Amino acid sequence: MIAGANHYTFSDDGALLKSRVMRGALRVFGKLKIDGRRQLAVTAYCVRGFFDAYLKASSGSSFEVSSTLYPEIKILN
């Protein structure tokens, strides 16, 4: 899970978020906590790590998703 991530920052709702008023309202109500670019960077890190570990590497490889660079990553059990 990416802490602070929301459907509004990673979907086809980009037109909605072009409105400063709407972005401000979402932030006030706690629905928009992470910058969209930061969310993309975290997502790219996870996807790249997964593919590097499970598709490129030999069998038995694993991917440690936790990273000090991306403290937003939370492991759910």
Foldseek 3Di string as FASTA:
>chain_A
DQAQDACCLPDPVVVQVVDPVSVVVCVVVSRHRDHSVLVVVLVVLVVVQVCCQPPVDDPPGDGDSDDPVRNRDDDDD
